[in-house]
Protein backbone atom coordinates (compact mmCIF):
# COMPACT_ATOMS: atom_id res chain seq x y z
CA UNK A 1 186.80 132.30 109.20
CA UNK A 2 183.46 131.59 110.89
CA UNK A 3 180.56 133.20 112.67
CA UNK A 4 180.23 134.44 116.24
CA UNK A 5 177.09 135.42 118.13
CA UNK A 6 177.88 138.00 120.82
CA UNK A 7 175.28 138.29 123.59
CA UNK A 8 176.02 141.29 125.79
CA UNK A 9 174.30 144.46 126.93
CA UNK A 10 177.45 146.56 127.35
CA UNK A 11 178.16 148.52 124.14
CA UNK A 12 181.77 149.33 125.09
CA UNK A 13 182.58 145.67 125.73
CA UNK A 14 180.98 144.72 122.41
CA UNK A 15 182.96 147.38 120.54
CA UNK A 16 186.14 146.31 122.34
CA UNK A 17 185.84 142.68 121.20
CA UNK A 18 183.92 143.03 117.95
CA UNK A 19 186.64 145.00 116.18
CA UNK A 20 189.21 142.26 116.86
CA UNK A 21 186.81 139.51 115.76
CA UNK A 22 185.95 141.44 112.57
CA UNK A 23 189.66 141.98 111.79
CA UNK A 24 190.29 138.25 112.30
CA UNK A 25 187.66 137.50 109.64
CA UNK A 26 184.74 136.39 111.82
CA UNK A 27 181.21 137.31 110.83
CA UNK A 28 179.83 138.82 114.05
CA UNK A 29 176.16 139.06 115.02
CA UNK A 30 175.36 141.02 118.15
CA UNK A 31 172.32 140.86 120.43
CA UNK A 32 172.05 143.15 123.47
CA UNK A 33 169.19 141.14 125.01
CA UNK A 34 168.75 137.51 125.98
CA UNK A 35 165.32 137.43 124.34
CA UNK A 36 166.77 138.68 121.03
CA UNK A 37 169.63 136.19 121.21
CA UNK A 38 167.21 133.37 121.98
CA UNK A 39 165.03 134.24 118.96
CA UNK A 40 168.11 134.57 116.72
CA UNK A 41 169.46 131.20 117.83
CA UNK A 42 166.06 129.54 117.40
CA UNK A 43 165.86 130.76 113.79
CA UNK A 44 169.51 129.96 113.06
CA UNK A 45 169.13 126.40 114.35
CA UNK A 46 165.95 125.86 112.30
CA UNK A 47 167.91 126.91 109.18
CA UNK A 48 170.98 124.84 110.14
CA UNK A 49 172.95 128.09 110.36
CA UNK A 50 174.11 127.97 113.98
CA UNK A 51 176.99 130.29 114.84
CA UNK A 52 180.39 128.65 115.08
CA UNK A 53 180.86 130.17 118.55
CA UNK A 54 178.95 132.27 121.05
CA UNK A 55 180.18 134.82 123.57
CA UNK A 56 177.82 135.30 126.49
CA UNK A 57 177.54 137.76 129.36
CA UNK A 58 175.97 136.45 132.57
CA UNK A 59 174.37 139.62 133.95
CA UNK A 60 171.91 140.65 131.26
CA UNK A 61 168.64 142.57 131.68
CA UNK A 62 165.54 140.44 132.13
CA UNK A 63 163.15 140.20 129.21
CA UNK A 64 159.88 138.59 128.24
CA UNK A 65 161.19 135.02 128.09
CA UNK A 66 163.82 135.43 130.79
CA UNK A 67 161.84 137.06 133.59
CA UNK A 68 162.91 137.22 137.26
CA UNK A 69 160.42 134.39 137.87
CA UNK A 70 162.13 132.28 135.19
CA UNK A 71 165.73 133.03 136.13
CA UNK A 72 165.60 133.62 139.88
CA UNK A 73 166.96 137.13 139.38
CA UNK A 74 168.15 139.26 136.48
CA UNK A 75 171.80 138.58 137.25
CA UNK A 76 171.30 134.94 136.15
CA UNK A 77 169.79 135.59 132.71
CA UNK A 78 172.99 134.54 130.94
CA UNK A 79 172.96 131.23 132.77
CA UNK A 80 169.30 130.69 131.86
CA UNK A 81 170.06 131.47 128.20
CA UNK A 82 173.04 129.11 128.25
CA UNK A 83 170.86 126.27 129.54
CA UNK A 84 168.20 127.04 126.94
CA UNK A 85 170.85 127.09 124.15
CA UNK A 86 171.94 123.60 125.12
CA UNK A 87 168.65 122.00 126.20
CA UNK A 88 166.05 123.61 123.92
CA UNK A 89 168.02 124.68 120.85
CA UNK A 90 170.55 121.81 121.12
CA UNK A 91 173.44 124.13 120.30
CA UNK A 92 176.64 122.09 120.64
CA UNK A 93 179.23 124.67 119.62
CA UNK A 94 181.70 126.45 121.85
CA UNK A 95 180.58 129.17 124.26
CA UNK A 96 182.88 131.75 125.82
CA UNK A 97 181.30 133.17 128.96
CA UNK A 98 182.64 136.69 129.53
CA UNK A 99 181.50 137.80 132.94
CA UNK A 100 182.41 139.90 135.93
CA UNK A 101 180.05 137.67 137.95
CA UNK A 102 182.52 135.03 139.01
CA UNK A 103 180.23 133.67 141.71
CA UNK A 104 181.42 130.30 143.05
CA UNK A 105 178.25 128.47 141.98
CA UNK A 106 178.46 129.95 138.47
CA UNK A 107 182.16 129.04 138.21
CA UNK A 108 181.47 125.49 139.41
CA UNK A 109 178.62 125.08 136.92
CA UNK A 110 180.62 126.23 133.90
CA UNK A 111 183.74 124.28 134.80
CA UNK A 112 181.66 121.11 134.33
CA UNK A 113 180.25 122.14 130.94
CA UNK A 114 181.63 120.75 127.68
CA UNK A 115 182.61 123.24 124.98
CA UNK A 116 182.63 126.16 127.39
CA UNK A 117 185.24 128.59 128.67
CA UNK A 118 184.60 130.99 131.55
CA UNK A 119 186.70 134.15 131.60
CA UNK A 120 186.65 137.72 132.85
CA UNK A 121 186.53 140.68 130.46
CA UNK A 122 189.14 142.38 132.64
CA UNK A 123 191.60 139.54 132.05
CA UNK A 124 190.71 138.86 128.41
CA UNK A 125 192.12 141.23 125.82
CA UNK A 126 190.52 141.29 122.34
CA UNK A 127 193.36 139.30 120.78
CA UNK A 128 193.02 136.72 123.59
CA UNK A 129 189.32 136.29 122.80
CA UNK A 130 190.10 135.85 119.09
CA UNK A 131 192.72 133.21 119.95
CA UNK A 132 190.31 131.36 122.28
CA UNK A 133 187.58 131.29 119.62
CA UNK A 134 189.99 130.29 116.84
CA UNK A 135 191.30 127.44 118.98
CA UNK A 136 187.79 126.30 119.92
CA UNK A 137 186.57 126.43 116.30
CA UNK A 138 189.65 124.89 114.67
CA UNK A 139 188.97 121.82 112.52
CA UNK A 140 189.61 118.74 114.59
CA UNK A 141 189.15 120.59 117.87
CA UNK A 142 187.07 118.66 120.37
CA UNK A 143 185.31 121.98 121.02
CA UNK A 144 184.32 122.70 117.41
CA UNK A 145 180.64 122.59 116.58
CA UNK A 146 179.52 119.27 115.17
CA UNK A 147 178.79 119.99 111.53
CA UNK A 148 176.92 116.78 110.87
C-alpha cells in the first residue's frame, strides 16, 4: 500500500493508530523523538526512500537538534520538525498533524500549508486516519508525494 512515518511520543496513541495502518497494508516506521525522526527522514531522502505519508504530533519532547532555544519551547517541536521536513529535507509528501495543541497560531499556520491536514486524536478514529492517508496517497491525488 505504501509507507508511513509516525512521529509521536505517546505509546498508546501509536498503538491505537499503528494497528489500523498495519491492517490496511501500510509499512509503518515509528519514531518517538523529533531528533530520531529527523535523522530517519534525512537518511530516507538521501536514499530516495521518503515515506509516502507522515503523521506528526506537535508536543514532542525537546532533543539535541530541537532544543528550547531552537523551537521557542518544547511544545513547538513538532512545528519545528515540520518546517525542517519541508525546508531542509524537501519532503513534499502529505503530513497528517495529530495534535491536542489546537492553538490558534498553529491552526492558522497549518491551514495554509500544502499537503497537510490538521486533526485531533480525540476526533480521529484509526479507520479515519487510514482513510485520510489513503486519500492523500492515492495516485492522481494532488496531495500524493511527487515520485519524480
